[in-house]
Amino acid sequence: MLKAFFMFPLFLPLAEVNRLQYAFQASTFEGKMVIIFLLIGSIFSWSVMVAKLLEVRRAHRSNTQFLKDFRRDPNPLTLFSKPFHYLGSPLFQIFRAGCRELAFQKTGSTEVDDTFIDRIQSTHKISTTAMNSVKSAMERAVGESALKLEDKMVLLATAVSGAPFLGLLGTVWGVMDTFTGVAMAGSANLAAMAPGVSGALTTTVTGLLVAIPAMFGYNYLVSTIRALTVGMDNFAGELAAALEHHYLEIRS
């Protein structure tokens, strides 16, 4: 497991991996515990990165298809009345929340059946107060979708900021033990100190190997999620304008 971990991020040659293994074996018990803890953290951070990457890509594809279908018909409720589901699309969740609230304000029900469009068209347009309720429903959906996209990102942020410090803690602890042993022995020589110092530095190397990929993944995901969130806000405004155009009662 250790060899695979050190070879994967940097594609190290076998000789370098053997040196790292030797340094690991020369580590103190505390240093080995730190390295094992960092390896577990690396597994979690890579799992989160892969899962979130798949999630945002699915959201982007679903949003693209949804927007294409949404803008095909000028009446937003036409798409709402069809049994279409855009899995993983935050925009569709916002669209559904706004249309459900509008249907409730106009007909008192959110049921969608074959008579839905006729029932919507047979009722009067809604007031500004009712439209504000529709906007509030869309705003809540935007917030919920944004929180869902940001879910578990704190694990990556923790790996980026915490792994180097945890590795540094293992290094300082190991160096302290090495010098304590030298002081207790009453003599210092390179052959006695080198294995301990090498083992102590291994924790810092491991911490950086955990933090660096997590940093790149975190920065990419944060920028992508931010773009998706801006897109959700823009779509909520676009949908609100379309609903007002068709269903808001304008009083002179």
C-alpha atoms as a PDB file:
ATOM      1  CA  MET A   1       0.000   0.000   0.000  1.00  0.00           C
ATOM      2  CA  LEU A   2       2.799   2.421   0.900  1.00  0.00           C
ATOM      3  CA  LYS A   3       4.684   1.731  -2.324  1.00  0.00           C
ATOM      4  CA  ALA A   4       1.584   2.313  -4.434  1.00  0.00           C
ATOM      5  CA  PHE A   5       0.825   5.551  -2.597  1.00  0.00           C
ATOM      6  CA  PHE A   6       4.263   7.042  -3.209  1.00  0.00           C
ATOM      7  CA  MET A   7       4.470   5.886  -6.826  1.00  0.00           C
ATOM      8  CA  PHE A   8       0.999   7.055  -7.929  1.00  0.00           C
ATOM      9  CA  PRO A   9       1.143  10.834  -7.373  1.00  0.00           C
ATOM     10  CA  LEU A  10       4.624  11.491  -8.725  1.00  0.00           C
ATOM     11  CA  PHE A  11       5.414   8.329 -10.730  1.00  0.00           C
ATOM     12  CA  LEU A  12       8.607   7.846  -8.751  1.00  0.00           C
ATOM     13  CA  PRO A  13      11.253   5.363  -9.887  1.00  0.00           C
ATOM     14  CA  LEU A  14      11.536   2.131  -7.955  1.00  0.00           C
ATOM     15  CA  ALA A  15      14.813   3.128  -6.292  1.00  0.00           C
ATOM     16  CA  GLU A  16      13.224   6.265  -4.855  1.00  0.00           C
ATOM     17  CA  VAL A  17      10.240   4.282  -3.629  1.00  0.00           C
ATOM     18  CA  ASN A  18      12.601   1.872  -1.860  1.00  0.00           C
ATOM     19  CA  ARG A  19      14.251   4.821  -0.107  1.00  0.00           C
ATOM     20  CA  LEU A  20      10.863   6.059   1.035  1.00  0.00           C
ATOM     21  CA  GLN A  21      10.003   2.611   2.334  1.00  0.00           C
ATOM     22  CA  TYR A  22      13.268   2.525   4.253  1.00  0.00           C
ATOM     23  CA  ALA A  23      12.510   5.941   5.719  1.00  0.00           C
ATOM     24  CA  PHE A  24       9.051   4.743   6.728  1.00  0.00           C
ATOM     25  CA  GLN A  25      10.510   1.734   8.486  1.00  0.00           C
ATOM     26  CA  ALA A  26      12.952   4.020  10.307  1.00  0.00           C
ATOM     27  CA  SER A  27      10.084   6.217  11.556  1.00  0.00           C
ATOM     28  CA  THR A  28       8.990   6.162  15.151  1.00  0.00           C
ATOM     29  CA  PHE A  29       5.689   4.612  16.156  1.00  0.00           C
ATOM     30  CA  GLU A  30       4.095   8.068  16.320  1.00  0.00           C
ATOM     31  CA  GLY A  31       5.417   8.914  12.852  1.00  0.00           C
ATOM     32  CA  LYS A  32       3.994   5.709  11.405  1.00  0.00           C
ATOM     33  CA  MET A  33       0.631   6.484  12.977  1.00  0.00           C
ATOM     34  CA  VAL A  34       0.700   9.947  11.381  1.00  0.00           C
ATOM     35  CA  ILE A  35       1.532   8.447   7.978  1.00  0.00           C
ATOM     36  CA  ILE A  36      -1.243   5.862   8.254  1.00  0.00           C
ATOM     37  CA  PHE A  37      -3.700   8.582   9.252  1.00  0.00           C
ATOM     38  CA  LEU A  38      -2.595  10.665   6.255  1.00  0.00           C
ATOM     39  CA  LEU A  39      -3.024   7.676   3.938  1.00  0.00           C
ATOM     40  CA  ILE A  40      -6.582   7.236   5.185  1.00  0.00           C
ATOM     41  CA  GLY A  41      -7.184  10.961   4.653  1.00  0.00           C
ATOM     42  CA  SER A  42      -5.808  10.646   1.130  1.00  0.00           C
ATOM     43  CA  ILE A  43      -8.302   7.885   0.342  1.00  0.00           C
ATOM     44  CA  PHE A  44     -11.171  10.069   1.552  1.00  0.00           C
ATOM     45  CA  SER A  45      -9.958  13.151  -0.335  1.00  0.00           C
ATOM     46  CA  TRP A  46      -9.542  11.251  -3.620  1.00  0.00           C
ATOM     47  CA  SER A  47     -12.990   9.685  -3.159  1.00  0.00           C
ATOM     48  CA  VAL A  48     -14.544  13.107  -2.646  1.00  0.00           C
ATOM     49  CA  MET A  49     -12.689  14.581  -5.630  1.00  0.00           C
ATOM     50  CA  VAL A  50     -13.780  11.829  -7.999  1.00  0.00           C
ATOM     51  CA  ALA A  51     -17.379  11.835  -6.746  1.00  0.00           C
ATOM     52  CA  LYS A  52     -17.729  15.621  -6.939  1.00  0.00           C
ATOM     53  CA  LEU A  53     -16.094  15.717 -10.372  1.00  0.00           C
ATOM     54  CA  LEU A  54     -18.641  13.219 -11.693  1.00  0.00           C
ATOM     55  CA  GLU A  55     -21.440  15.163 -10.005  1.00  0.00           C
ATOM     56  CA  VAL A  56     -20.557  18.544 -11.510  1.00  0.00           C
ATOM     57  CA  ARG A  57     -20.033  17.033 -14.953  1.00  0.00           C
ATOM     58  CA  ARG A  58     -23.432  15.343 -14.778  1.00  0.00           C
ATOM     59  CA  ALA A  59     -24.974  18.621 -13.618  1.00  0.00           C
ATOM     60  CA  HIS A  60     -23.416  20.497 -16.532  1.00  0.00           C
ATOM     61  CA  ARG A  61     -24.668  17.977 -19.105  1.00  0.00           C
ATOM     62  CA  SER A  62     -28.162  17.862 -17.614  1.00  0.00           C
ATOM     63  CA  ASN A  63     -28.338  21.656 -17.381  1.00  0.00           C
ATOM     64  CA  THR A  64     -27.376  21.994 -21.036  1.00  0.00           C
ATOM     65  CA  GLN A  65     -30.082  19.578 -22.150  1.00  0.00           C
ATOM     66  CA  PHE A  66     -32.668  21.156 -19.856  1.00  0.00           C
ATOM     67  CA  LEU A  67     -31.982  24.694 -21.075  1.00  0.00           C
ATOM     68  CA  LYS A  68     -32.280  23.513 -24.658  1.00  0.00           C
ATOM     69  CA  ASP A  69     -35.739  22.056 -23.970  1.00  0.00           C
ATOM     70  CA  PHE A  70     -36.802  24.951 -21.732  1.00  0.00           C
ATOM     71  CA  ARG A  71     -36.094  27.639 -24.308  1.00  0.00           C
ATOM     72  CA  ARG A  72     -37.807  25.688 -27.068  1.00  0.00           C
ATOM     73  CA  ASP A  73     -41.295  26.697 -25.849  1.00  0.00           C
ATOM     74  CA  PRO A  74     -42.145  30.245 -24.748  1.00  0.00           C
ATOM     75  CA  ASN A  75     -44.576  28.974 -22.093  1.00  0.00           C
ATOM     76  CA  PRO A  76     -42.583  27.536 -19.141  1.00  0.00           C
ATOM     77  CA  LEU A  77     -45.462  25.390 -17.893  1.00  0.00           C
ATOM     78  CA  THR A  78     -45.575  23.424 -21.127  1.00  0.00           C
ATOM     79  CA  LEU A  79     -42.333  21.667 -20.198  1.00  0.00           C
ATOM     80  CA  PHE A  80     -43.488  21.304 -16.601  1.00  0.00           C
ATOM     81  CA  SER A  81     -46.570  19.407 -17.733  1.00  0.00           C
ATOM     82  CA  LYS A  82     -44.452  16.811 -19.551  1.00  0.00           C
ATOM     83  CA  PRO A  83     -43.005  13.758 -17.771  1.00  0.00           C
ATOM     84  CA  PHE A  84     -39.404  14.822 -18.299  1.00  0.00           C
ATOM     85  CA  HIS A  85     -36.794  14.375 -15.605  1.00  0.00           C
ATOM     86  CA  TYR A  86     -33.302  15.795 -15.870  1.00  0.00           C
ATOM     87  CA  LEU A  87     -31.351  13.812 -13.300  1.00  0.00           C
ATOM     88  CA  GLY A  88     -28.618  15.783 -11.592  1.00  0.00           C
ATOM     89  CA  SER A  89     -29.707  19.125 -13.050  1.00  0.00           C
ATOM     90  CA  PRO A  90     -29.871  21.958 -10.482  1.00  0.00           C
ATOM     91  CA  LEU A  91     -31.690  24.150 -13.007  1.00  0.00           C
ATOM     92  CA  PHE A  92     -34.467  21.595 -13.319  1.00  0.00           C
ATOM     93  CA  GLN A  93     -34.903  21.573  -9.541  1.00  0.00           C
ATOM     94  CA  ILE A  94     -35.292  25.349  -9.578  1.00  0.00           C
ATOM     95  CA  PHE A  95     -37.688  25.149 -12.520  1.00  0.00           C
ATOM     96  CA  ARG A  96     -39.817  22.511 -10.833  1.00  0.00           C
ATOM     97  CA  ALA A  97     -39.942  24.422  -7.535  1.00  0.00           C
ATOM     98  CA  GLY A  98     -41.075  27.618  -9.274  1.00  0.00           C
ATOM     99  CA  CYS A  99     -43.667  25.884 -11.452  1.00  0.00           C
ATOM    100  CA  ARG A 100     -45.078  23.877  -8.542  1.00  0.00           C
ATOM    101  CA  GLU A 101     -45.541  27.032  -6.509  1.00  0.00           C
ATOM    102  CA  LEU A 102     -47.117  28.828  -9.471  1.00  0.00           C
ATOM    103  CA  ALA A 103     -49.514  25.931 -10.039  1.00  0.00           C
ATOM    104  CA  PHE A 104     -50.481  26.009  -6.383  1.00  0.00           C
ATOM    105  CA  GLN A 105     -51.081  29.768  -6.461  1.00  0.00           C
ATOM    106  CA  LYS A 106     -53.278  29.477  -9.564  1.00  0.00           C
ATOM    107  CA  THR A 107     -55.202  26.241  -8.960  1.00  0.00           C
ATOM    108  CA  GLY A 108     -54.606  25.347  -5.319  1.00  0.00           C
ATOM    109  CA  SER A 109     -52.973  22.064  -6.375  1.00  0.00           C
ATOM    110  CA  THR A 110     -49.606  20.913  -7.691  1.00  0.00           C
ATOM    111  CA  GLU A 111     -50.980  17.799  -9.392  1.00  0.00           C
ATOM    112  CA  VAL A 112     -49.932  17.431 -13.016  1.00  0.00           C
ATOM    113  CA  ASP A 113     -52.244  15.435 -15.278  1.00  0.00           C
ATOM    114  CA  ASP A 114     -53.758  15.628 -18.740  1.00  0.00           C
ATOM    115  CA  THR A 115     -55.935  18.577 -17.735  1.00  0.00           C
ATOM    116  CA  PHE A 116     -53.116  20.596 -16.159  1.00  0.00           C
ATOM    117  CA  ILE A 117     -52.651  23.115 -18.975  1.00  0.00           C
ATOM    118  CA  ASP A 118     -56.401  23.619 -19.351  1.00  0.00           C
ATOM    119  CA  ARG A 119     -56.766  24.221 -15.606  1.00  0.00           C
ATOM    120  CA  ILE A 120     -53.912  26.711 -15.633  1.00  0.00           C
ATOM    121  CA  GLN A 121     -55.341  28.631 -18.595  1.00  0.00           C
ATOM    122  CA  SER A 122     -58.855  28.703 -17.152  1.00  0.00           C
ATOM    123  CA  THR A 123     -57.773  30.545 -13.991  1.00  0.00           C
ATOM    124  CA  HIS A 124     -57.009  34.205 -13.529  1.00  0.00           C
ATOM    125  CA  LYS A 125     -53.507  35.599 -13.454  1.00  0.00           C
ATOM    126  CA  ILE A 126     -51.833  35.825 -10.072  1.00  0.00           C
ATOM    127  CA  SER A 127     -51.063  38.899  -8.000  1.00  0.00           C
ATOM    128  CA  THR A 128     -47.668  40.369  -7.219  1.00  0.00           C
ATOM    129  CA  THR A 129     -47.820  38.856  -3.727  1.00  0.00           C
ATOM    130  CA  ALA A 130     -48.391  35.388  -5.162  1.00  0.00           C
ATOM    131  CA  MET A 131     -45.556  35.910  -7.642  1.00  0.00           C
ATOM    132  CA  ASN A 132     -43.270  36.810  -4.753  1.00  0.00           C
ATOM    133  CA  SER A 133     -44.085  33.410  -3.266  1.00  0.00           C
ATOM    134  CA  VAL A 134     -43.046  31.799  -6.537  1.00  0.00           C
ATOM    135  CA  LYS A 135     -39.761  33.721  -6.472  1.00  0.00           C
ATOM    136  CA  SER A 136     -39.173  32.684  -2.862  1.00  0.00           C
ATOM    137  CA  ALA A 137     -39.651  29.028  -3.817  1.00  0.00           C
ATOM    138  CA  MET A 138     -37.070  29.390  -6.572  1.00  0.00           C
ATOM    139  CA  GLU A 139     -34.634  31.137  -4.227  1.00  0.00           C
ATOM    140  CA  ARG A 140     -34.953  28.293  -1.741  1.00  0.00           C
ATOM    141  CA  ALA A 141     -34.296  25.803  -4.522  1.00  0.00           C
ATOM    142  CA  VAL A 142     -31.190  27.756  -5.566  1.00  0.00           C
ATOM    143  CA  GLY A 143     -29.886  27.652  -2.003  1.00  0.00           C
ATOM    144  CA  GLU A 144     -30.608  23.949  -1.580  1.00  0.00           C
ATOM    145  CA  SER A 145     -28.967  23.074  -4.902  1.00  0.00           C
ATOM    146  CA  ALA A 146     -25.890  25.148  -4.056  1.00  0.00           C
ATOM    147  CA  LEU A 147     -25.547  23.440  -0.673  1.00  0.00           C
ATOM    148  CA  LYS A 148     -25.854  20.044  -2.321  1.00  0.00           C
ATOM    149  CA  LEU A 149     -23.075  20.891  -4.780  1.00  0.00           C
ATOM    150  CA  GLU A 150     -20.851  22.121  -1.940  1.00  0.00           C
ATOM    151  CA  ASP A 151     -21.524  19.061   0.211  1.00  0.00           C
ATOM    152  CA  LYS A 152     -18.331  17.312   1.442  1.00  0.00           C
ATOM    153  CA  MET A 153     -16.094  20.047   0.033  1.00  0.00           C
ATOM    154  CA  VAL A 154     -15.028  20.736   3.615  1.00  0.00           C
ATOM    155  CA  LEU A 155     -13.199  17.385   3.557  1.00  0.00           C
ATOM    156  CA  LEU A 156     -11.031  18.588   0.675  1.00  0.00           C
ATOM    157  CA  ALA A 157     -10.426  21.926   2.379  1.00  0.00           C
ATOM    158  CA  THR A 158      -9.369  20.070   5.523  1.00  0.00           C
ATOM    159  CA  ALA A 159      -6.973  17.878   3.536  1.00  0.00           C
ATOM    160  CA  VAL A 160      -5.429  20.927   1.855  1.00  0.00           C
ATOM    161  CA  SER A 161      -4.886  22.865   5.071  1.00  0.00           C
ATOM    162  CA  GLY A 162      -4.483  20.076   7.630  1.00  0.00           C
ATOM    163  CA  ALA A 163      -2.322  17.449   5.929  1.00  0.00           C
ATOM    164  CA  PRO A 164       0.879  19.555   5.760  1.00  0.00           C
ATOM    165  CA  PHE A 165       0.548  20.551   9.404  1.00  0.00           C
ATOM    166  CA  LEU A 166      -0.076  16.980  10.460  1.00  0.00           C
ATOM    167  CA  GLY A 167       2.974  15.899   8.459  1.00  0.00           C
ATOM    168  CA  LEU A 168       5.013  18.680  10.055  1.00  0.00           C
ATOM    169  CA  LEU A 169       3.879  17.525  13.487  1.00  0.00           C
ATOM    170  CA  GLY A 170       5.157  14.018  12.722  1.00  0.00           C
ATOM    171  CA  THR A 171       8.468  15.455  11.501  1.00  0.00           C
ATOM    172  CA  VAL A 172       9.003  17.650  14.543  1.00  0.00           C
ATOM    173  CA  TRP A 173       8.091  14.772  16.836  1.00  0.00           C
ATOM    174  CA  GLY A 174      10.460  12.407  15.060  1.00  0.00           C
ATOM    175  CA  VAL A 175      13.353  14.889  15.059  1.00  0.00           C
ATOM    176  CA  MET A 176      12.740  15.562  18.739  1.00  0.00           C
ATOM    177  CA  ASP A 177      12.901  11.832  19.500  1.00  0.00           C
ATOM    178  CA  THR A 178      16.083  11.495  17.434  1.00  0.00           C
ATOM    179  CA  PHE A 179      17.897  14.296  19.245  1.00  0.00           C
ATOM    180  CA  THR A 180      16.614  13.071  22.586  1.00  0.00           C
ATOM    181  CA  GLY A 181      18.114   9.675  21.855  1.00  0.00           C
ATOM    182  CA  VAL A 182      21.424  11.271  20.865  1.00  0.00           C
ATOM    183  CA  ALA A 183      21.457  13.369  24.021  1.00  0.00           C
ATOM    184  CA  MET A 184      20.729  10.345  26.206  1.00  0.00           C
ATOM    185  CA  ALA A 185      23.468   8.359  24.443  1.00  0.00           C
ATOM    186  CA  GLY A 186      25.931  11.180  25.074  1.00  0.00           C
ATOM    187  CA  SER A 187      27.446  11.015  21.599  1.00  0.00           C
ATOM    188  CA  ALA A 188      26.394  12.149  18.141  1.00  0.00           C
ATOM    189  CA  ASN A 189      27.247  10.521  14.837  1.00  0.00           C
ATOM    190  CA  LEU A 190      25.692  10.654  11.407  1.00  0.00           C
ATOM    191  CA  ALA A 191      24.997   6.929  11.203  1.00  0.00           C
ATOM    192  CA  ALA A 192      22.896   7.069  14.355  1.00  0.00           C
ATOM    193  CA  MET A 193      21.008  10.257  13.491  1.00  0.00           C
ATOM    194  CA  ALA A 194      20.343   9.809   9.772  1.00  0.00           C
ATOM    195  CA  PRO A 195      17.705   7.038   9.965  1.00  0.00           C
ATOM    196  CA  GLY A 196      15.693   8.896  12.590  1.00  0.00           C
ATOM    197  CA  VAL A 197      15.789  12.210  10.733  1.00  0.00           C
ATOM    198  CA  SER A 198      14.958  10.483   7.442  1.00  0.00           C
ATOM    199  CA  GLY A 199      12.007   8.720   9.027  1.00  0.00           C
ATOM    200  CA  ALA A 200      10.822  11.966  10.597  1.00  0.00           C
ATOM    201  CA  LEU A 201      10.886  13.806   7.261  1.00  0.00           C
ATOM    202  CA  THR A 202       8.750  11.067   5.682  1.00  0.00           C
ATOM    203  CA  THR A 203       5.661  12.400   7.457  1.00  0.00           C
ATOM    204  CA  THR A 204       6.108  15.830   5.862  1.00  0.00           C
ATOM    205  CA  VAL A 205       6.528  14.240   2.431  1.00  0.00           C
ATOM    206  CA  THR A 206       3.365  12.217   2.981  1.00  0.00           C
ATOM    207  CA  GLY A 207       1.450  15.280   4.128  1.00  0.00           C
ATOM    208  CA  LEU A 208       2.429  17.166   0.985  1.00  0.00           C
ATOM    209  CA  LEU A 209       1.525  14.216  -1.235  1.00  0.00           C
ATOM    210  CA  VAL A 210      -1.942  14.283   0.324  1.00  0.00           C
ATOM    211  CA  ALA A 211      -2.377  18.067   0.250  1.00  0.00           C
ATOM    212  CA  ILE A 212      -1.102  18.930  -3.244  1.00  0.00           C
ATOM    213  CA  PRO A 213      -3.604  16.814  -5.280  1.00  0.00           C
ATOM    214  CA  ALA A 214      -6.382  17.889  -2.902  1.00  0.00           C
ATOM    215  CA  MET A 215      -5.445  21.543  -3.479  1.00  0.00           C
ATOM    216  CA  PHE A 216      -5.695  21.267  -7.281  1.00  0.00           C
ATOM    217  CA  GLY A 217      -8.935  19.291  -7.041  1.00  0.00           C
ATOM    218  CA  TYR A 218     -10.426  21.715  -4.528  1.00  0.00           C
ATOM    219  CA  ASN A 219      -9.588  24.803  -6.595  1.00  0.00           C
ATOM    220  CA  TYR A 220     -11.051  23.279  -9.750  1.00  0.00           C
ATOM    221  CA  LEU A 221     -14.227  22.129  -8.009  1.00  0.00           C
ATOM    222  CA  VAL A 222     -14.736  25.444  -6.219  1.00  0.00           C
ATOM    223  CA  SER A 223     -14.500  27.415  -9.476  1.00  0.00           C
ATOM    224  CA  THR A 224     -16.814  24.949 -11.256  1.00  0.00           C
ATOM    225  CA  ILE A 225     -19.388  25.004  -8.460  1.00  0.00           C
ATOM    226  CA  ARG A 226     -19.249  28.793  -8.371  1.00  0.00           C
ATOM    227  CA  ALA A 227     -19.987  28.898 -12.096  1.00  0.00           C
ATOM    228  CA  LEU A 228     -22.915  26.512 -11.624  1.00  0.00           C
ATOM    229  CA  THR A 229     -24.260  28.653  -8.772  1.00  0.00           C
ATOM    230  CA  VAL A 230     -24.071  31.818 -10.879  1.00  0.00           C
ATOM    231  CA  GLY A 231     -25.880  29.947 -13.634  1.00  0.00           C
ATOM    232  CA  MET A 232     -28.608  28.957 -11.175  1.00  0.00           C
ATOM    233  CA  ASP A 233     -29.097  32.570 -10.067  1.00  0.00           C
ATOM    234  CA  ASN A 234     -29.276  33.722 -13.674  1.00  0.00           C
ATOM    235  CA  PHE A 235     -31.769  31.020 -14.583  1.00  0.00           C
ATOM    236  CA  ALA A 236     -33.959  31.850 -11.583  1.00  0.00           C
ATOM    237  CA  GLY A 237     -34.149  35.420 -12.873  1.00  0.00           C
ATOM    238  CA  GLU A 238     -34.895  34.235 -16.404  1.00  0.00           C
ATOM    239  CA  LEU A 239     -37.642  31.897 -15.201  1.00  0.00           C
ATOM    240  CA  ALA A 240     -39.171  34.568 -12.972  1.00  0.00           C
ATOM    241  CA  ALA A 241     -39.341  36.954 -15.933  1.00  0.00           C
ATOM    242  CA  ALA A 242     -40.979  34.311 -18.123  1.00  0.00           C
ATOM    243  CA  LEU A 243     -43.573  33.443 -15.467  1.00  0.00           C
ATOM    244  CA  GLU A 244     -44.357  37.103 -14.851  1.00  0.00           C
ATOM    245  CA  HIS A 245     -44.798  37.676 -18.570  1.00  0.00           C
ATOM    246  CA  HIS A 246     -47.376  34.897 -18.871  1.00  0.00           C
ATOM    247  CA  TYR A 247     -49.116  34.767 -15.493  1.00  0.00           C
ATOM    248  CA  LEU A 248     -48.658  38.013 -13.524  1.00  0.00           C
ATOM    249  CA  GLU A 249     -51.689  40.264 -13.306  1.00  0.00           C
ATOM    250  CA  ILE A 250     -50.680  43.803 -14.231  1.00  0.00           C
ATOM    251  CA  ARG A 251     -52.799  46.436 -12.565  1.00  0.00           C
ATOM    252  CA  SER A 252     -52.864  49.976 -13.860  1.00  0.00           C
END
